[in-house]
Protein backbone atom coordinates (compact mmCIF):
# COMPACT_ATOMS: atom_id res chain seq x y z
CA MET A 1 -69.07 2.50 193.15
CA ALA A 2 -66.00 0.34 193.54
CA ASP A 3 -66.67 -2.97 195.19
CA PHE A 4 -63.07 -4.15 195.21
CA PRO A 5 -62.41 -3.99 199.01
CA PHE A 6 -65.52 -6.04 199.67
CA THR A 7 -65.26 -8.71 196.98
CA TRP A 8 -61.54 -9.33 196.76
CA PRO A 9 -61.05 -11.55 199.84
CA PHE A 10 -64.14 -13.61 199.06
CA PHE A 11 -63.37 -13.92 195.37
CA GLN A 12 -59.81 -14.89 196.22
CA ALA A 13 -60.90 -17.45 198.78
CA THR A 14 -62.91 -19.31 196.24
CA LYS A 15 -59.76 -19.73 194.16
CA THR A 16 -57.29 -20.64 196.92
CA PHE A 17 -59.13 -22.71 199.56
CA ASP A 18 -60.27 -26.25 198.93
CA GLN A 19 -62.10 -27.95 201.77
CA SER A 20 -63.79 -31.32 201.71
CA ILE A 21 -67.13 -31.24 203.51
CA ASN A 22 -68.13 -34.70 204.77
CA PRO A 23 -71.61 -35.43 205.99
CA GLY A 24 -70.36 -37.52 208.94
CA TRP A 25 -67.42 -37.69 211.27
CA PHE A 26 -65.95 -40.38 209.12
CA ASP A 27 -67.19 -40.53 205.58
CA VAL A 28 -66.63 -44.03 204.29
CA ASN A 29 -66.34 -44.27 200.54
CA ILE A 30 -66.05 -47.92 199.73
CA ASN A 31 -65.49 -48.54 196.05
CA ASN A 32 -64.07 -52.10 196.19
CA TYR A 33 -66.34 -54.08 198.38
CA ALA A 34 -67.18 -57.79 198.39
CA GLY A 35 -70.75 -57.48 199.56
CA ASN A 36 -73.38 -54.99 200.65
CA PRO A 37 -71.91 -51.48 200.83
CA GLN A 38 -74.21 -50.60 203.76
CA VAL A 39 -72.89 -53.50 205.77
CA GLU A 40 -69.31 -52.47 204.96
CA LYS A 41 -70.08 -48.87 206.05
CA ASP A 42 -71.76 -50.11 209.25
CA VAL A 43 -68.83 -52.37 210.15
CA VAL A 44 -66.37 -49.48 209.77
CA GLU A 45 -68.53 -47.00 211.66
CA LYS A 46 -70.00 -49.23 214.37
CA VAL A 47 -67.62 -52.16 214.90
CA ALA A 48 -64.00 -51.47 213.88
CA SER A 49 -62.29 -49.03 211.52
CA PHE A 50 -60.05 -50.40 208.79
CA GLY A 51 -57.07 -49.38 210.84
CA MET A 52 -58.29 -51.26 213.90
CA GLN A 53 -59.02 -54.36 211.84
CA LEU A 54 -55.58 -54.24 210.22
CA GLY A 55 -54.01 -53.60 213.58
CA ILE A 56 -55.58 -56.68 215.14
CA LEU A 57 -54.60 -58.80 212.18
CA THR A 58 -50.99 -57.47 212.37
CA GLU A 59 -50.77 -58.26 216.01
CA ALA A 60 -52.13 -61.75 215.43
CA VAL A 61 -49.72 -62.47 212.56
CA LEU A 62 -46.74 -61.15 214.51
CA GLU A 63 -47.70 -63.16 217.59
CA LEU A 64 -48.04 -66.34 215.47
CA ALA A 65 -44.71 -65.58 213.82
CA GLY A 66 -42.95 -65.48 217.20
CA ASN A 67 -39.62 -63.94 217.88
CA LYS A 68 -37.56 -66.11 215.57
CA PRO A 69 -34.95 -64.14 213.64
CA ARG A 70 -36.01 -63.55 210.03
CA PRO A 71 -33.96 -62.62 207.04
CA HIS A 72 -33.91 -58.98 206.17
CA GLY A 73 -36.71 -58.27 203.74
CA SER A 74 -38.89 -61.25 204.82
CA VAL A 75 -42.59 -60.55 205.00
CA VAL A 76 -42.60 -60.86 208.76
CA THR A 77 -39.65 -58.39 209.10
CA ARG A 78 -41.44 -56.00 206.71
CA LEU A 79 -44.65 -56.33 208.77
CA ARG A 80 -42.72 -55.67 212.00
CA ASP A 81 -41.17 -52.58 210.41
CA ILE A 82 -44.57 -51.29 209.21
CA ALA A 83 -46.05 -51.92 212.67
CA ALA A 84 -43.18 -50.01 214.33
CA LYS A 85 -43.66 -47.04 211.99
CA ILE A 86 -47.40 -46.98 212.65
CA GLU A 87 -46.78 -46.99 216.43
CA ALA A 88 -44.35 -44.10 216.00
CA LEU A 89 -46.98 -42.11 214.04
CA LYS A 90 -49.63 -42.90 216.71
CA THR A 91 -47.25 -41.63 219.41
CA LEU A 92 -46.52 -38.48 217.42
CA ASN A 93 -50.20 -37.83 216.75
CA GLN A 94 -51.12 -38.52 220.37
CA ALA A 95 -48.66 -35.83 221.47
CA SER A 96 -50.16 -33.48 218.94
CA LEU A 97 -53.68 -34.26 220.10
CA THR A 98 -52.68 -33.60 223.73
CA ASP A 99 -51.13 -30.29 222.74
CA GLN A 100 -54.31 -29.36 220.88
CA ALA A 101 -56.58 -30.34 223.80
CA ASP A 102 -54.35 -28.35 226.18
CA ALA A 103 -54.45 -25.27 223.96
CA ALA A 104 -58.23 -25.58 223.60
CA MET A 105 -58.70 -25.87 227.38
CA LYS A 106 -56.48 -22.81 227.92
CA ARG A 107 -58.63 -20.78 225.51
CA LEU A 108 -61.83 -22.06 227.15
CA ALA A 109 -60.51 -21.29 230.69
CA LYS A 110 -59.76 -17.76 229.63
CA ALA A 111 -63.06 -17.22 227.86
CA GLU A 112 -65.44 -19.34 229.98
CA PRO A 113 -63.80 -20.47 233.25
CA ASP A 114 -66.91 -22.20 234.63
CA GLU A 115 -67.28 -24.34 231.49
CA ALA A 116 -63.57 -25.16 231.52
CA ARG A 117 -63.88 -26.40 235.15
CA ARG A 118 -66.98 -28.41 234.29
CA ILE A 119 -65.31 -30.12 231.35
CA ALA A 120 -62.07 -30.71 233.25
CA ALA A 121 -64.02 -32.35 236.09
CA THR A 122 -66.03 -34.48 233.71
CA TYR A 123 -62.90 -35.89 232.10
CA ALA A 124 -60.99 -36.13 235.35
CA GLY A 125 -63.76 -38.41 236.62
CA LYS A 126 -63.67 -40.56 233.49
CA ALA A 127 -59.88 -40.88 233.68
CA SER A 128 -60.07 -42.06 237.29
CA GLY A 129 -62.85 -44.51 236.50
CA ALA A 130 -65.49 -42.60 238.41
CA THR A 131 -68.81 -41.84 236.76
CA THR A 132 -70.20 -38.41 236.57
CA ARG A 133 -73.73 -37.25 236.03
CA SER A 134 -74.47 -35.11 233.08
CA SER A 135 -76.60 -32.03 233.66
CA THR A 136 -78.23 -32.43 230.30
């Protein structure tokens, strides 16, 4: 009995797909830490991500640097350039996230219209500042 039609896609998938499975939403792997790794993990997960921490520091440094013209290539100019590129990426990713959410809601509205209305109403209330009660 030939098992080719049944094994081929599964056998091939094990060779061609590589997916990282992380135990949490954000798996923090801290190799270079200055203290307790659990504290470092808790800070990133519960207080502020590395990106948020760096963003706040960047804002503070640029605010302290003021708007004085700087020579091309100065550290302040380089930091401003980096901050601008990060903001551009955030804008690009925000648009992408909006597109993904829109597509997901369209699929949900088609498959489960009542659930789509419930979710839309929940988020519409949050966006307007109103509070909604959860049925769960």
